[in-house]
Amino acid sequence: MLKRLFDVLASFFGLLLLSPIILIVAFQIRRKLGGPVLFRQVRPGLNGKPFEMVKFRTMKDAYDAKGVPLPDAERMTPFGAFLRSSSLDELPELWNVLKGEMSLVGPRPLLMEYLPLYSPEQFRRHEARPGVTGWAQINGRNALSWNEKFKLDVWYVDNQSLKLDIKIILLTLKKVVVREGISADGEVTMSKFTGNKP
């Protein structure tokens, strides 16, 4: 209950105080990338229950001759890369936090298609609400391997507390300033999870 109260108060005042920045970013996305301004995608939440996550859009629409979207690296613009490296693209997720679909701190919500690929231990990451930031984010972010990331997520599930959340939030702010671990080697963000290979 204390964690949820903290989430509600922090996300409400965060949206209020950051509204000028949110409006400026939205205007710049509309001007540089066109519409829509927001990227919406269904992600697994607490216990794997689907919800619609909202972020700022960071990629342009670009397709090949068959109508298939081009790879992320070809659709990413310098402006989009700046939004990601500064984590400004994550600001709309405060709305998901306010609604109770996410928490400020927790395992990052990944893709629905990954759910059947997890081992039982890896699936335990869904025993906590997904977070805007998390233990894995301050310990390597996208530069981590999938196995390392999942181990950190499950560690958080087993050790979560308000004190730990505040520590993670403060360290996240530091990470945003120095912009560490934005992407995996050779990737725009993180390589796709393909399951647990023997």
N, C-alpha and C. Protein backbone atom coordinates (compact mmCIF):
# COMPACT_ATOMS: atom_id res chain seq x y z
N MET A 1 0.83 -1.21 0.00
CA MET A 1 0.00 0.00 0.00
C MET A 1 0.87 1.26 0.00
N LEU A 2 1.99 1.22 0.76
CA LEU A 2 2.87 2.38 0.83
C LEU A 2 3.53 2.64 -0.53
N LYS A 3 3.92 1.56 -1.21
CA LYS A 3 4.53 1.67 -2.54
C LYS A 3 3.53 2.28 -3.52
N ARG A 4 2.28 1.82 -3.46
CA ARG A 4 1.26 2.33 -4.38
C ARG A 4 0.96 3.80 -4.10
N LEU A 5 0.89 4.18 -2.83
CA LEU A 5 0.67 5.58 -2.46
C LEU A 5 1.80 6.45 -2.99
N PHE A 6 3.02 5.98 -2.84
CA PHE A 6 4.19 6.70 -3.35
C PHE A 6 4.10 6.86 -4.87
N ASP A 7 3.70 5.78 -5.57
CA ASP A 7 3.55 5.82 -7.03
C ASP A 7 2.52 6.86 -7.46
N VAL A 8 1.38 6.86 -6.78
CA VAL A 8 0.30 7.79 -7.14
C VAL A 8 0.73 9.23 -6.95
N LEU A 9 1.29 9.54 -5.78
CA LEU A 9 1.70 10.92 -5.49
C LEU A 9 2.83 11.36 -6.42
N ALA A 10 3.83 10.50 -6.61
CA ALA A 10 4.98 10.87 -7.44
C ALA A 10 4.59 11.02 -8.90
N SER A 11 3.74 10.14 -9.43
CA SER A 11 3.34 10.24 -10.84
C SER A 11 2.42 11.45 -11.07
N PHE A 12 1.53 11.72 -10.10
CA PHE A 12 0.63 12.88 -10.25
C PHE A 12 1.42 14.18 -10.27
N PHE A 13 2.29 14.36 -9.28
CA PHE A 13 3.07 15.60 -9.24
C PHE A 13 4.13 15.63 -10.34
N GLY A 14 4.60 14.44 -10.74
CA GLY A 14 5.55 14.38 -11.85
C GLY A 14 4.91 14.87 -13.14
N LEU A 15 3.71 14.40 -13.42
CA LEU A 15 2.99 14.85 -14.62
C LEU A 15 2.70 16.35 -14.55
N LEU A 16 2.36 16.82 -13.36
CA LEU A 16 2.05 18.23 -13.18
C LEU A 16 3.28 19.10 -13.40
N LEU A 17 4.37 18.76 -12.74
CA LEU A 17 5.59 19.57 -12.80
C LEU A 17 6.30 19.46 -14.15
N LEU A 18 6.20 18.30 -14.77
CA LEU A 18 6.89 18.08 -16.04
C LEU A 18 6.03 18.39 -17.26
N SER A 19 4.80 18.85 -17.04
CA SER A 19 3.89 19.12 -18.16
C SER A 19 4.47 20.08 -19.20
N PRO A 20 5.22 21.15 -18.81
CA PRO A 20 5.82 22.00 -19.85
C PRO A 20 6.80 21.24 -20.73
N ILE A 21 7.63 20.37 -20.12
CA ILE A 21 8.59 19.57 -20.89
C ILE A 21 7.86 18.58 -21.77
N ILE A 22 6.81 17.95 -21.24
CA ILE A 22 6.02 16.99 -22.00
C ILE A 22 5.41 17.66 -23.23
N LEU A 23 4.88 18.86 -23.07
CA LEU A 23 4.28 19.59 -24.19
C LEU A 23 5.32 19.97 -25.24
N ILE A 24 6.50 20.40 -24.78
CA ILE A 24 7.57 20.77 -25.72
C ILE A 24 8.03 19.56 -26.52
N VAL A 25 8.23 18.43 -25.83
CA VAL A 25 8.66 17.20 -26.51
C VAL A 25 7.60 16.76 -27.51
N ALA A 26 6.32 16.81 -27.11
CA ALA A 26 5.24 16.42 -28.01
C ALA A 26 5.21 17.30 -29.26
N PHE A 27 5.41 18.59 -29.08
CA PHE A 27 5.43 19.52 -30.22
C PHE A 27 6.59 19.19 -31.16
N GLN A 28 7.76 18.92 -30.60
CA GLN A 28 8.94 18.63 -31.42
C GLN A 28 8.78 17.30 -32.17
N ILE A 29 8.16 16.31 -31.53
CA ILE A 29 7.91 15.03 -32.21
C ILE A 29 6.98 15.24 -33.39
N ARG A 30 5.92 16.01 -33.16
CA ARG A 30 4.97 16.30 -34.25
C ARG A 30 5.68 17.02 -35.40
N ARG A 31 6.57 17.93 -35.07
CA ARG A 31 7.26 18.72 -36.09
C ARG A 31 8.31 17.90 -36.84
N LYS A 32 9.05 17.05 -36.11
CA LYS A 32 10.17 16.33 -36.72
C LYS A 32 9.80 14.95 -37.27
N LEU A 33 8.87 14.27 -36.60
CA LEU A 33 8.52 12.91 -37.00
C LEU A 33 7.10 12.77 -37.52
N GLY A 34 6.28 13.80 -37.32
CA GLY A 34 4.88 13.70 -37.71
C GLY A 34 4.07 12.97 -36.66
N GLY A 35 2.84 12.63 -37.01
CA GLY A 35 1.98 11.92 -36.06
C GLY A 35 2.07 10.42 -36.26
N PRO A 36 1.61 9.65 -35.29
CA PRO A 36 1.17 10.09 -33.97
C PRO A 36 2.35 10.45 -33.07
N VAL A 37 2.08 11.25 -32.07
CA VAL A 37 3.12 11.67 -31.12
C VAL A 37 3.45 10.54 -30.15
N LEU A 38 2.42 9.80 -29.77
CA LEU A 38 2.60 8.72 -28.78
C LEU A 38 2.74 7.36 -29.45
N PHE A 39 3.58 6.53 -28.87
CA PHE A 39 3.73 5.14 -29.28
C PHE A 39 2.96 4.31 -28.26
N ARG A 40 2.00 3.54 -28.74
CA ARG A 40 1.18 2.71 -27.86
C ARG A 40 1.39 1.25 -28.22
N GLN A 41 1.59 0.43 -27.20
CA GLN A 41 1.79 -1.00 -27.45
C GLN A 41 1.33 -1.80 -26.25
N VAL A 42 0.68 -2.92 -26.51
CA VAL A 42 0.23 -3.80 -25.43
C VAL A 42 1.44 -4.54 -24.88
N ARG A 43 1.61 -4.47 -23.57
CA ARG A 43 2.71 -5.13 -22.88
C ARG A 43 2.16 -5.94 -21.71
N PRO A 44 2.90 -6.94 -21.23
CA PRO A 44 2.44 -7.69 -20.07
C PRO A 44 2.72 -6.94 -18.77
N GLY A 45 1.71 -6.88 -17.92
CA GLY A 45 1.84 -6.19 -16.64
C GLY A 45 1.94 -7.17 -15.49
N LEU A 46 1.38 -6.79 -14.35
CA LEU A 46 1.40 -7.64 -13.16
C LEU A 46 0.78 -8.99 -13.47
N ASN A 47 1.49 -10.06 -13.14
CA ASN A 47 1.06 -11.44 -13.41
C ASN A 47 0.87 -11.72 -14.90
N GLY A 48 1.47 -10.91 -15.74
CA GLY A 48 1.39 -11.11 -17.19
C GLY A 48 0.13 -10.55 -17.82
N LYS A 49 -0.69 -9.83 -17.03
CA LYS A 49 -1.93 -9.27 -17.57
C LYS A 49 -1.62 -8.13 -18.54
N PRO A 50 -2.20 -8.17 -19.75
CA PRO A 50 -1.88 -7.15 -20.76
C PRO A 50 -2.41 -5.76 -20.38
N PHE A 51 -1.66 -4.74 -20.75
CA PHE A 51 -2.11 -3.35 -20.63
C PHE A 51 -1.46 -2.57 -21.78
N GLU A 52 -2.01 -1.40 -22.07
CA GLU A 52 -1.46 -0.57 -23.15
C GLU A 52 -0.48 0.45 -22.58
N MET A 53 0.79 0.26 -22.89
CA MET A 53 1.83 1.18 -22.44
C MET A 53 1.94 2.33 -23.43
N VAL A 54 2.15 3.54 -22.90
CA VAL A 54 2.32 4.71 -23.77
C VAL A 54 3.71 5.31 -23.56
N LYS A 55 4.36 5.64 -24.68
CA LYS A 55 5.65 6.30 -24.67
C LYS A 55 5.63 7.37 -25.75
N PHE A 56 6.61 8.23 -25.75
CA PHE A 56 6.76 9.14 -26.87
C PHE A 56 7.37 8.37 -28.05
N ARG A 57 6.89 8.67 -29.21
CA ARG A 57 7.40 8.04 -30.42
C ARG A 57 8.82 8.51 -30.70
N THR A 58 9.70 7.57 -31.10
CA THR A 58 11.10 7.94 -31.36
C THR A 58 11.56 7.55 -32.77
N MET A 59 10.73 6.81 -33.51
CA MET A 59 11.14 6.36 -34.84
C MET A 59 10.21 6.89 -35.92
N LYS A 60 10.75 7.10 -37.09
CA LYS A 60 9.95 7.54 -38.22
C LYS A 60 9.31 6.33 -38.90
N ASP A 61 8.24 6.56 -39.63
CA ASP A 61 7.61 5.49 -40.41
C ASP A 61 8.40 5.30 -41.70
N ALA A 62 8.92 4.12 -41.91
CA ALA A 62 9.67 3.82 -43.13
C ALA A 62 9.51 2.34 -43.44
N TYR A 63 9.10 2.03 -44.68
CA TYR A 63 8.81 0.66 -45.08
C TYR A 63 9.56 0.28 -46.35
N ASP A 64 9.76 -1.03 -46.53
CA ASP A 64 10.37 -1.49 -47.77
C ASP A 64 9.30 -1.62 -48.85
N ALA A 65 9.67 -2.14 -50.02
CA ALA A 65 8.75 -2.23 -51.15
C ALA A 65 7.56 -3.15 -50.87
N LYS A 66 7.73 -4.07 -49.90
CA LYS A 66 6.64 -4.99 -49.57
C LYS A 66 5.77 -4.48 -48.43
N GLY A 67 6.06 -3.28 -47.95
CA GLY A 67 5.27 -2.71 -46.87
C GLY A 67 5.70 -3.14 -45.49
N VAL A 68 6.86 -3.79 -45.39
CA VAL A 68 7.38 -4.24 -44.10
C VAL A 68 8.23 -3.12 -43.50
N PRO A 69 8.03 -2.79 -42.21
CA PRO A 69 8.84 -1.73 -41.59
C PRO A 69 10.33 -2.02 -41.69
N LEU A 70 11.10 -0.99 -41.98
CA LEU A 70 12.55 -1.13 -42.05
C LEU A 70 13.11 -1.43 -40.66
N PRO A 71 14.34 -1.96 -40.56
CA PRO A 71 14.95 -2.22 -39.24
C PRO A 71 15.00 -0.95 -38.40
N ASP A 72 15.00 -1.15 -37.08
CA ASP A 72 15.01 0.00 -36.14
C ASP A 72 16.13 0.99 -36.45
N ALA A 73 17.32 0.47 -36.78
CA ALA A 73 18.47 1.34 -37.02
C ALA A 73 18.22 2.30 -38.18
N GLU A 74 17.40 1.89 -39.15
CA GLU A 74 17.11 2.73 -40.30
C GLU A 74 15.95 3.69 -40.04
N ARG A 75 15.15 3.39 -39.04
CA ARG A 75 14.00 4.25 -38.72
C ARG A 75 14.30 5.24 -37.61
N MET A 76 15.39 4.98 -36.87
CA MET A 76 15.76 5.87 -35.78
C MET A 76 16.40 7.14 -36.32
N THR A 77 16.00 8.28 -35.81
CA THR A 77 16.56 9.57 -36.20
C THR A 77 17.43 10.09 -35.06
N PRO A 78 18.30 11.05 -35.34
CA PRO A 78 19.10 11.65 -34.25
C PRO A 78 18.22 12.21 -33.13
N PHE A 79 17.09 12.80 -33.51
CA PHE A 79 16.17 13.33 -32.50
C PHE A 79 15.60 12.19 -31.65
N GLY A 80 15.21 11.10 -32.30
CA GLY A 80 14.68 9.94 -31.57
C GLY A 80 15.72 9.34 -30.66
N ALA A 81 16.96 9.28 -31.14
CA ALA A 81 18.05 8.75 -30.33
C ALA A 81 18.28 9.63 -29.09
N PHE A 82 18.14 10.94 -29.26
CA PHE A 82 18.27 11.85 -28.12
C PHE A 82 17.15 11.61 -27.10
N LEU A 83 15.93 11.42 -27.58
CA LEU A 83 14.81 11.17 -26.67
C LEU A 83 15.07 9.90 -25.84
N ARG A 84 15.61 8.88 -26.48
CA ARG A 84 15.88 7.62 -25.77
C ARG A 84 17.04 7.76 -24.80
N SER A 85 18.12 8.40 -25.25
CA SER A 85 19.30 8.51 -24.39
C SER A 85 19.02 9.38 -23.17
N SER A 86 18.11 10.34 -23.32
CA SER A 86 17.75 11.23 -22.21
C SER A 86 16.58 10.67 -21.40
N SER A 87 15.98 9.56 -21.90
CA SER A 87 14.80 8.92 -21.27
C SER A 87 13.56 9.81 -21.31
N LEU A 88 13.57 10.86 -22.12
CA LEU A 88 12.38 11.71 -22.25
C LEU A 88 11.22 10.94 -22.88
N ASP A 89 11.54 9.92 -23.67
CA ASP A 89 10.48 9.13 -24.31
C ASP A 89 9.65 8.36 -23.29
N GLU A 90 10.17 8.20 -22.07
CA GLU A 90 9.48 7.43 -21.03
C GLU A 90 8.45 8.26 -20.25
N LEU A 91 8.47 9.57 -20.38
CA LEU A 91 7.62 10.42 -19.54
C LEU A 91 6.13 10.07 -19.58
N PRO A 92 5.55 9.75 -20.76
CA PRO A 92 4.12 9.40 -20.75
C PRO A 92 3.77 8.19 -19.91
N GLU A 93 4.76 7.35 -19.57
CA GLU A 93 4.48 6.18 -18.76
C GLU A 93 4.04 6.57 -17.34
N LEU A 94 4.27 7.82 -16.96
CA LEU A 94 3.76 8.27 -15.66
C LEU A 94 2.24 8.14 -15.61
N TRP A 95 1.59 8.23 -16.77
CA TRP A 95 0.13 8.05 -16.84
C TRP A 95 -0.22 6.59 -16.53
N ASN A 96 0.58 5.65 -17.05
CA ASN A 96 0.37 4.24 -16.72
C ASN A 96 0.56 3.98 -15.23
N VAL A 97 1.51 4.69 -14.63
CA VAL A 97 1.75 4.55 -13.18
C VAL A 97 0.54 5.08 -12.41
N LEU A 98 0.06 6.23 -12.80
CA LEU A 98 -1.09 6.84 -12.12
C LEU A 98 -2.31 5.92 -12.19
N LYS A 99 -2.48 5.23 -13.31
CA LYS A 99 -3.63 4.33 -13.48
C LYS A 99 -3.45 2.99 -12.77
N GLY A 100 -2.24 2.71 -12.28
CA GLY A 100 -2.01 1.47 -11.56
C GLY A 100 -1.56 0.32 -12.43
N GLU A 101 -1.27 0.59 -13.71
CA GLU A 101 -0.81 -0.46 -14.61
C GLU A 101 0.70 -0.68 -14.48
N MET A 102 1.40 0.37 -14.05
CA MET A 102 2.84 0.29 -13.85
C MET A 102 3.19 0.89 -12.50
N SER A 103 4.43 0.72 -12.12
CA SER A 103 4.97 1.35 -10.93
C SER A 103 6.14 2.23 -11.38
N LEU A 104 6.56 3.15 -10.53
CA LEU A 104 7.76 3.92 -10.87
C LEU A 104 8.96 2.99 -10.98
N VAL A 105 9.01 1.98 -10.13
CA VAL A 105 10.14 1.05 -10.11
C VAL A 105 9.62 -0.38 -10.21
N GLY A 106 10.24 -1.14 -11.08
CA GLY A 106 9.89 -2.54 -11.27
C GLY A 106 10.56 -3.06 -12.52
N PRO A 107 10.42 -4.35 -12.82
CA PRO A 107 10.98 -4.88 -14.07
C PRO A 107 10.35 -4.18 -15.28
N ARG A 108 11.15 -3.82 -16.26
CA ARG A 108 10.63 -3.12 -17.43
C ARG A 108 9.65 -4.01 -18.19
N PRO A 109 8.53 -3.45 -18.67
CA PRO A 109 7.58 -4.25 -19.44
C PRO A 109 8.15 -4.57 -20.82
N LEU A 110 8.25 -5.84 -21.13
CA LEU A 110 8.81 -6.26 -22.40
C LEU A 110 7.68 -6.58 -23.39
N LEU A 111 7.89 -7.48 -24.32
CA LEU A 111 6.89 -7.75 -25.35
C LEU A 111 6.01 -8.94 -24.97
N MET A 112 4.74 -8.90 -25.40
CA MET A 112 3.82 -10.00 -25.14
C MET A 112 4.34 -11.31 -25.73
N GLU A 113 5.02 -11.22 -26.87
CA GLU A 113 5.49 -12.43 -27.54
C GLU A 113 6.56 -13.17 -26.75
N TYR A 114 7.15 -12.50 -25.75
CA TYR A 114 8.18 -13.16 -24.94
C TYR A 114 7.58 -14.08 -23.87
N LEU A 115 6.33 -13.89 -23.51
CA LEU A 115 5.74 -14.62 -22.38
C LEU A 115 5.93 -16.14 -22.46
N PRO A 116 5.65 -16.79 -23.60
CA PRO A 116 5.83 -18.25 -23.64
C PRO A 116 7.29 -18.69 -23.71
N LEU A 117 8.21 -17.74 -23.85
CA LEU A 117 9.64 -18.07 -23.97
C LEU A 117 10.37 -18.10 -22.63
N TYR A 118 9.74 -17.56 -21.59
CA TYR A 118 10.39 -17.49 -20.29
C TYR A 118 10.44 -18.85 -19.61
N SER A 119 11.50 -19.06 -18.83
CA SER A 119 11.52 -20.19 -17.90
C SER A 119 10.61 -19.82 -16.73
N PRO A 120 10.19 -20.78 -15.91
CA PRO A 120 9.36 -20.45 -14.74
C PRO A 120 10.01 -19.39 -13.84
N GLU A 121 11.33 -19.48 -13.66
CA GLU A 121 12.04 -18.51 -12.82
C GLU A 121 12.02 -17.13 -13.46
N GLN A 122 12.22 -17.05 -14.76
CA GLN A 122 12.21 -15.76 -15.46
C GLN A 122 10.82 -15.12 -15.43
N PHE A 123 9.78 -15.96 -15.50
CA PHE A 123 8.41 -15.44 -15.48
C PHE A 123 8.08 -14.75 -14.16
N ARG A 124 8.85 -15.06 -13.11
CA ARG A 124 8.61 -14.45 -11.81
C ARG A 124 8.79 -12.93 -11.84
N ARG A 125 9.43 -12.40 -12.88
CA ARG A 125 9.57 -10.94 -13.01
C ARG A 125 8.20 -10.26 -13.06
N HIS A 126 7.15 -11.04 -13.41
CA HIS A 126 5.80 -10.49 -13.49
C HIS A 126 5.05 -10.54 -12.15
N GLU A 127 5.76 -10.93 -11.09
CA GLU A 127 5.14 -10.90 -9.76
C GLU A 127 5.14 -9.49 -9.18
N ALA A 128 5.76 -8.57 -9.87
CA ALA A 128 5.73 -7.15 -9.49
C ALA A 128 5.20 -6.35 -10.67
N ARG A 129 4.59 -5.20 -10.37
CA ARG A 129 4.17 -4.33 -11.47
C ARG A 129 5.39 -3.89 -12.28
N PRO A 130 5.25 -3.81 -13.60
CA PRO A 130 6.38 -3.32 -14.40
C PRO A 130 6.68 -1.87 -14.06
N GLY A 131 7.94 -1.47 -14.22
CA GLY A 131 8.34 -0.13 -13.81
C GLY A 131 8.82 0.76 -14.93
N VAL A 132 8.77 2.06 -14.68
CA VAL A 132 9.36 3.04 -15.58
C VAL A 132 10.88 2.86 -15.56
N THR A 133 11.40 2.55 -14.39
CA THR A 133 12.81 2.20 -14.23
C THR A 133 12.89 0.98 -13.32
N GLY A 134 14.07 0.41 -13.19
CA GLY A 134 14.19 -0.79 -12.38
C GLY A 134 15.62 -1.12 -12.00
N TRP A 135 15.77 -2.20 -11.26
CA TRP A 135 17.08 -2.63 -10.78
C TRP A 135 18.01 -2.96 -11.96
N ALA A 136 17.46 -3.57 -13.00
CA ALA A 136 18.28 -3.88 -14.18
C ALA A 136 18.71 -2.61 -14.90
N GLN A 137 17.86 -1.59 -14.88
CA GLN A 137 18.17 -0.34 -15.59
C GLN A 137 19.38 0.38 -14.98
N ILE A 138 19.53 0.29 -13.67
CA ILE A 138 20.66 0.99 -13.05
C ILE A 138 21.90 0.09 -12.96
N ASN A 139 21.76 -1.15 -13.41
CA ASN A 139 22.89 -2.09 -13.38
C ASN A 139 23.29 -2.55 -14.78
N GLY A 140 23.07 -1.69 -15.76
CA GLY A 140 23.51 -2.04 -17.11
C GLY A 140 22.52 -1.74 -18.21
N ARG A 141 21.22 -1.68 -17.87
CA ARG A 141 20.18 -1.34 -18.84
C ARG A 141 20.27 -2.27 -20.05
N ASN A 142 20.28 -1.74 -21.26
CA ASN A 142 20.28 -2.56 -22.47
C ASN A 142 21.64 -3.16 -22.80
N ALA A 143 22.68 -2.78 -22.06
CA ALA A 143 24.00 -3.37 -22.29
C ALA A 143 24.12 -4.75 -21.64
N LEU A 144 23.13 -5.14 -20.82
CA LEU A 144 23.12 -6.44 -20.17
C LEU A 144 22.68 -7.54 -21.14
N SER A 145 23.09 -8.77 -20.86
CA SER A 145 22.52 -9.91 -21.59
C SER A 145 21.11 -10.15 -21.04
N TRP A 146 20.32 -10.90 -21.80
CA TRP A 146 18.96 -11.19 -21.32
C TRP A 146 18.98 -11.94 -19.99
N ASN A 147 19.85 -12.94 -19.87
CA ASN A 147 19.91 -13.72 -18.63
C ASN A 147 20.28 -12.84 -17.44
N GLU A 148 21.23 -11.93 -17.63
CA GLU A 148 21.62 -11.02 -16.56
C GLU A 148 20.46 -10.12 -16.18
N LYS A 149 19.74 -9.63 -17.18
CA LYS A 149 18.61 -8.74 -16.93
C LYS A 149 17.51 -9.46 -16.14
N PHE A 150 17.19 -10.69 -16.54
CA PHE A 150 16.14 -11.43 -15.85
C PHE A 150 16.52 -11.76 -14.41
N LYS A 151 17.79 -12.09 -14.18
CA LYS A 151 18.24 -12.37 -12.81
C LYS A 151 18.09 -11.14 -11.92
N LEU A 152 18.40 -9.97 -12.46
CA LEU A 152 18.25 -8.72 -11.70
C LEU A 152 16.77 -8.41 -11.46
N ASP A 153 15.94 -8.70 -12.44
CA ASP A 153 14.49 -8.47 -12.28
C ASP A 153 13.92 -9.33 -11.15
N VAL A 154 14.29 -10.60 -11.14
CA VAL A 154 13.78 -11.52 -10.12
C VAL A 154 14.35 -11.14 -8.75
N TRP A 155 15.61 -10.70 -8.71
CA TRP A 155 16.19 -10.23 -7.45
C TRP A 155 15.37 -9.07 -6.91
N TYR A 156 14.95 -8.16 -7.78
CA TYR A 156 14.14 -7.03 -7.32
C TYR A 156 12.80 -7.52 -6.75
N VAL A 157 12.16 -8.45 -7.45
CA VAL A 157 10.88 -8.99 -6.98
C VAL A 157 11.01 -9.52 -5.56
N ASP A 158 12.13 -10.19 -5.27
CA ASP A 158 12.33 -10.80 -3.95
C ASP A 158 12.79 -9.81 -2.88
N ASN A 159 13.26 -8.64 -3.29
CA ASN A 159 13.84 -7.70 -2.33
C ASN A 159 13.21 -6.30 -2.38
N GLN A 160 12.09 -6.16 -3.06
CA GLN A 160 11.51 -4.83 -3.24
C GLN A 160 11.09 -4.20 -1.91
N SER A 161 11.34 -2.89 -1.83
CA SER A 161 10.95 -2.10 -0.67
C SER A 161 10.92 -0.64 -1.10
N LEU A 162 10.27 0.20 -0.33
CA LEU A 162 10.20 1.62 -0.67
C LEU A 162 11.60 2.23 -0.62
N LYS A 163 12.40 1.81 0.35
CA LYS A 163 13.77 2.32 0.45
C LYS A 163 14.58 1.97 -0.79
N LEU A 164 14.45 0.73 -1.27
CA LEU A 164 15.15 0.31 -2.49
C LEU A 164 14.64 1.09 -3.70
N ASP A 165 13.33 1.32 -3.76
CA ASP A 165 12.75 2.08 -4.87
C ASP A 165 13.34 3.49 -4.95
N ILE A 166 13.44 4.14 -3.80
CA ILE A 166 13.99 5.50 -3.77
C ILE A 166 15.45 5.49 -4.22
N LYS A 167 16.19 4.47 -3.78
CA LYS A 167 17.59 4.34 -4.20
C LYS A 167 17.67 4.17 -5.72
N ILE A 168 16.81 3.34 -6.28
CA ILE A 168 16.81 3.09 -7.72
C ILE A 168 16.45 4.35 -8.50
N ILE A 169 15.47 5.10 -8.01
CA ILE A 169 15.07 6.35 -8.68
C ILE A 169 16.24 7.34 -8.70
N LEU A 170 16.92 7.49 -7.57
CA LEU A 170 18.06 8.43 -7.50
C LEU A 170 19.19 7.99 -8.43
N LEU A 171 19.48 6.68 -8.45
CA LEU A 171 20.54 6.18 -9.33
C LEU A 171 20.13 6.27 -10.80
N THR A 172 18.82 6.16 -11.07
CA THR A 172 18.33 6.31 -12.44
C THR A 172 18.59 7.72 -12.94
N LEU A 173 18.33 8.72 -12.09
CA LEU A 173 18.58 10.11 -12.48
C LEU A 173 20.06 10.31 -12.83
N LYS A 174 20.92 9.66 -12.04
CA LYS A 174 22.36 9.74 -12.33
C LYS A 174 22.68 9.08 -13.67
N LYS A 175 22.09 7.91 -13.93
CA LYS A 175 22.33 7.20 -15.19
C LYS A 175 21.86 8.02 -16.38
N VAL A 176 20.73 8.71 -16.21
CA VAL A 176 20.20 9.53 -17.30
C VAL A 176 21.17 10.64 -17.66
N VAL A 177 21.78 11.23 -16.63
CA VAL A 177 22.74 12.33 -16.85
C VAL A 177 23.97 11.84 -17.61
N VAL A 178 24.52 10.67 -17.22
CA VAL A 178 25.74 10.18 -17.87
C VAL A 178 25.43 9.32 -19.10
N ARG A 179 24.14 8.93 -19.27
CA ARG A 179 23.67 8.19 -20.44
C ARG A 179 24.43 6.89 -20.67
N GLU A 180 24.42 6.03 -19.66
CA GLU A 180 25.09 4.74 -19.74
C GLU A 180 24.11 3.65 -20.12
N GLY A 181 24.60 2.65 -20.88
CA GLY A 181 23.82 1.44 -21.14
C GLY A 181 22.59 1.65 -21.98
N ILE A 182 22.59 2.66 -22.87
CA ILE A 182 21.41 2.95 -23.67
C ILE A 182 21.07 1.81 -24.61
N SER A 183 22.10 1.19 -25.19
CA SER A 183 21.86 0.13 -26.16
C SER A 183 22.87 -1.00 -26.00
N ALA A 184 22.50 -2.15 -26.53
CA ALA A 184 23.42 -3.27 -26.58
C ALA A 184 24.38 -3.07 -27.75
N ASP A 185 25.52 -3.77 -27.71
CA ASP A 185 26.50 -3.64 -28.79
C ASP A 185 25.87 -4.01 -30.13
N GLY A 186 25.97 -3.08 -31.10
CA GLY A 186 25.47 -3.34 -32.44
C GLY A 186 23.96 -3.22 -32.59
N GLU A 187 23.28 -2.75 -31.56
CA GLU A 187 21.83 -2.62 -31.59
C GLU A 187 21.42 -1.19 -31.28
N VAL A 188 20.21 -0.81 -31.78
CA VAL A 188 19.68 0.50 -31.45
C VAL A 188 19.25 0.52 -29.99
N THR A 189 18.66 -0.56 -29.52
CA THR A 189 18.28 -0.67 -28.11
C THR A 189 18.79 -2.01 -27.56
N MET A 190 18.01 -3.08 -27.75
CA MET A 190 18.36 -4.39 -27.21
C MET A 190 18.00 -5.44 -28.25
N SER A 191 18.84 -6.46 -28.38
CA SER A 191 18.54 -7.54 -29.32
C SER A 191 17.28 -8.27 -28.86
N LYS A 192 16.62 -8.94 -29.79
CA LYS A 192 15.36 -9.62 -29.50
C LYS A 192 15.61 -10.87 -28.66
N PHE A 193 14.73 -11.11 -27.67
CA PHE A 193 14.81 -12.31 -26.85
C PHE A 193 14.20 -13.47 -27.64
N THR A 194 14.96 -14.55 -27.79
CA THR A 194 14.49 -15.69 -28.59
C THR A 194 14.32 -16.95 -27.77
N GLY A 195 14.36 -16.83 -26.46
CA GLY A 195 14.16 -17.97 -25.60
C GLY A 195 15.44 -18.47 -24.98
N ASN A 196 15.34 -19.48 -24.16
CA ASN A 196 16.47 -20.03 -23.43
C ASN A 196 17.08 -21.19 -24.22
N LYS A 197 18.18 -20.89 -24.88
CA LYS A 197 18.83 -21.92 -25.68
C LYS A 197 19.75 -22.77 -24.79
N PRO A 198 19.80 -24.07 -25.04
CA PRO A 198 20.65 -24.96 -24.22
C PRO A 198 22.13 -24.64 -24.42
